[in-house]
Each structure stands twice: as structure tokens, then as C-alpha cells.
Amino acid sequence: SYSTDGSLVSVPSEEYAYYNEIDKSKLGLLRVPQVQSYKGLVFGCFDPEAPSLVDFLGDMTYYLDILLDRVDGGTEVISGVHKWKMRG
């Protein structure tokens, strides 16, 4: 698990699986230089020189708008396991 500053705090079964030889100071989370959102979806990019999200998405925003703006209240994410079975 990681602390709120991104440093690695603990690893499951560290003693048995890794023999306590992990250098946690080198395995912290990396800061993502670009984080932007579109219609509630969050995107991260590790390239600080990359174009903006809207520029990158380009014409794809049309299709995202169709998908995500179908109802007035917005898209609802339903958690849990969803299984689809279709007879072929």
C-alpha cells in the first residue's frame, strides 16, 4: 500500500515472498504530469509535452458525447459483477 504522498509503505507477504529485500524508497508512485478529465472520465498522461486531452481525442469527442450524454442525469456506473450470456 502507498501513503498519501505516494511512497510505498507495505507490500503483501513482503517477508515471505520478497525476503524483506524490497527497497521501498525506490518503488513509490510516479507523479503524472498531465491529468485532465472529459465528461467525468479522468485521463492521465506521463508525457508532459503531449497535446491537451481534447486535442488528443479530436473527433472521438463526438462519439464520447453520444455515449455519455444519452440521459440528462449523466452516466451511472453500477458496481459489481455483470455477466452477459448469449446463445449462439
C-alpha atoms as a PDB file:
ATOM      1  CA  SER A   1       0.000   0.000   0.000  1.00  0.00           C
ATOM      2  CA  TYR A   2       1.014   3.595  -0.511  1.00  0.00           C
ATOM      3  CA  SER A   3       0.879   6.667   1.689  1.00  0.00           C
ATOM      4  CA  THR A   4      -0.884   9.844   0.608  1.00  0.00           C
ATOM      5  CA  ASP A   5       2.415  11.263  -0.667  1.00  0.00           C
ATOM      6  CA  GLY A   6       2.875   8.243  -2.982  1.00  0.00           C
ATOM      7  CA  SER A   7       5.640   6.481  -1.079  1.00  0.00           C
ATOM      8  CA  LEU A   8       5.440   2.701  -0.755  1.00  0.00           C
ATOM      9  CA  VAL A   9       4.538   1.743   2.793  1.00  0.00           C
ATOM     10  CA  SER A  10       3.952  -2.008   2.725  1.00  0.00           C
ATOM     11  CA  VAL A  11       3.820  -4.982   0.392  1.00  0.00           C
ATOM     12  CA  PRO A  12       1.613  -8.049   0.955  1.00  0.00           C
ATOM     13  CA  SER A  13       3.621 -11.062   2.139  1.00  0.00           C
ATOM     14  CA  GLU A  14       6.791  -8.984   1.990  1.00  0.00           C
ATOM     15  CA  GLU A  15       8.619 -11.179   4.480  1.00  0.00           C
ATOM     16  CA  TYR A  16       7.821 -14.466   2.735  1.00  0.00           C
ATOM     17  CA  ALA A  17       7.595 -13.503  -0.919  1.00  0.00           C
ATOM     18  CA  TYR A  18      10.386 -10.937  -1.060  1.00  0.00           C
ATOM     19  CA  TYR A  19      12.504 -11.899   1.970  1.00  0.00           C
ATOM     20  CA  ASN A  20      12.270  -8.293   3.230  1.00  0.00           C
ATOM     21  CA  GLU A  21      14.674  -7.233   0.460  1.00  0.00           C
ATOM     22  CA  ILE A  22      12.461  -4.638  -1.221  1.00  0.00           C
ATOM     23  CA  ASP A  23      13.840  -1.107  -1.309  1.00  0.00           C
ATOM     24  CA  LYS A  24      10.565   0.727  -0.768  1.00  0.00           C
ATOM     25  CA  SER A  25      12.222   4.115  -1.243  1.00  0.00           C
ATOM     26  CA  LYS A  26      12.677   3.296  -4.956  1.00  0.00           C
ATOM     27  CA  LEU A  27       9.182   1.938  -5.597  1.00  0.00           C
ATOM     28  CA  GLY A  28       6.908   4.862  -4.844  1.00  0.00           C
ATOM     29  CA  LEU A  29       4.210   6.079  -7.188  1.00  0.00           C
ATOM     30  CA  LEU A  30       5.206   8.404 -10.009  1.00  0.00           C
ATOM     31  CA  ARG A  31       3.580  11.809 -10.370  1.00  0.00           C
ATOM     32  CA  VAL A  32       1.520  12.052 -13.553  1.00  0.00           C
ATOM     33  CA  PRO A  33       2.441  15.333 -15.300  1.00  0.00           C
ATOM     34  CA  GLN A  34      -0.880  15.736 -17.096  1.00  0.00           C
ATOM     35  CA  VAL A  35      -4.240  14.808 -15.572  1.00  0.00           C
ATOM     36  CA  GLN A  36      -7.365  16.025 -17.334  1.00  0.00           C
ATOM     37  CA  SER A  37     -10.993  14.967 -17.442  1.00  0.00           C
ATOM     38  CA  TYR A  38     -13.667  14.801 -20.097  1.00  0.00           C
ATOM     39  CA  LYS A  39     -17.334  14.190 -19.248  1.00  0.00           C
ATOM     40  CA  GLY A  40     -16.330  12.784 -15.869  1.00  0.00           C
ATOM     41  CA  LEU A  41     -13.703  10.391 -17.259  1.00  0.00           C
ATOM     42  CA  VAL A  42     -10.231  11.035 -15.871  1.00  0.00           C
ATOM     43  CA  PHE A  43      -7.190  10.633 -18.106  1.00  0.00           C
ATOM     44  CA  GLY A  44      -3.526  10.706 -17.123  1.00  0.00           C
ATOM     45  CA  CYS A  45      -0.529  11.163 -19.418  1.00  0.00           C
ATOM     46  CA  PHE A  46       3.100  10.654 -18.435  1.00  0.00           C
ATOM     47  CA  ASP A  47       4.364  12.811 -21.329  1.00  0.00           C
ATOM     48  CA  PRO A  48       4.476  16.449 -20.196  1.00  0.00           C
ATOM     49  CA  GLU A  49       4.861  17.552 -23.841  1.00  0.00           C
ATOM     50  CA  ALA A  50       1.775  15.701 -25.103  1.00  0.00           C
ATOM     51  CA  PRO A  51      -1.135  17.678 -26.549  1.00  0.00           C
ATOM     52  CA  SER A  52      -4.143  18.520 -24.392  1.00  0.00           C
ATOM     53  CA  LEU A  53      -6.735  15.815 -23.857  1.00  0.00           C
ATOM     54  CA  VAL A  54      -9.332  17.470 -26.104  1.00  0.00           C
ATOM     55  CA  ASP A  55      -6.747  17.890 -28.878  1.00  0.00           C
ATOM     56  CA  PHE A  56      -5.682  14.260 -28.492  1.00  0.00           C
ATOM     57  CA  LEU A  57      -9.263  12.960 -28.538  1.00  0.00           C
ATOM     58  CA  GLY A  58     -10.096  15.052 -31.594  1.00  0.00           C
ATOM     59  CA  ASP A  59     -13.178  13.747 -33.412  1.00  0.00           C
ATOM     60  CA  MET A  60     -13.571  10.967 -30.844  1.00  0.00           C
ATOM     61  CA  THR A  61     -15.261  13.514 -28.549  1.00  0.00           C
ATOM     62  CA  TYR A  62     -18.309  13.267 -30.829  1.00  0.00           C
ATOM     63  CA  TYR A  63     -18.677   9.559 -30.028  1.00  0.00           C
ATOM     64  CA  LEU A  64     -17.935  10.032 -26.333  1.00  0.00           C
ATOM     65  CA  ASP A  65     -20.631  12.703 -26.211  1.00  0.00           C
ATOM     66  CA  ILE A  66     -23.146  10.323 -27.804  1.00  0.00           C
ATOM     67  CA  LEU A  67     -22.256   7.598 -25.321  1.00  0.00           C
ATOM     68  CA  LEU A  68     -22.041   9.711 -22.176  1.00  0.00           C
ATOM     69  CA  ASP A  69     -24.825  12.245 -22.801  1.00  0.00           C
ATOM     70  CA  ARG A  70     -27.635   9.770 -23.509  1.00  0.00           C
ATOM     71  CA  VAL A  71     -29.576  10.723 -20.373  1.00  0.00           C
ATOM     72  CA  ASP A  72     -29.965  14.070 -18.633  1.00  0.00           C
ATOM     73  CA  GLY A  73     -28.550  12.870 -15.311  1.00  0.00           C
ATOM     74  CA  GLY A  74     -25.324  11.618 -16.864  1.00  0.00           C
ATOM     75  CA  THR A  75     -23.850   8.158 -16.992  1.00  0.00           C
ATOM     76  CA  GLU A  76     -24.206   5.981 -13.918  1.00  0.00           C
ATOM     77  CA  VAL A  77     -21.565   3.435 -13.024  1.00  0.00           C
ATOM     78  CA  ILE A  78     -23.029   0.314 -11.442  1.00  0.00           C
ATOM     79  CA  SER A  79     -20.579  -1.705  -9.387  1.00  0.00           C
ATOM     80  CA  GLY A  80     -20.467  -5.446  -9.005  1.00  0.00           C
ATOM     81  CA  VAL A  81     -20.032  -8.361 -11.356  1.00  0.00           C
ATOM     82  CA  HIS A  82     -22.034  -8.227 -14.563  1.00  0.00           C
ATOM     83  CA  LYS A  83     -22.365 -11.382 -16.641  1.00  0.00           C
ATOM     84  CA  TRP A  84     -23.804 -11.486 -20.118  1.00  0.00           C
ATOM     85  CA  LYS A  85     -24.796 -14.790 -21.671  1.00  0.00           C
ATOM     86  CA  MET A  86     -25.959 -15.088 -25.251  1.00  0.00           C
ATOM     87  CA  ARG A  87     -26.980 -18.205 -27.035  1.00  0.00           C
ATOM     88  CA  GLY A  88     -25.220 -18.609 -30.327  1.00  0.00           C
END
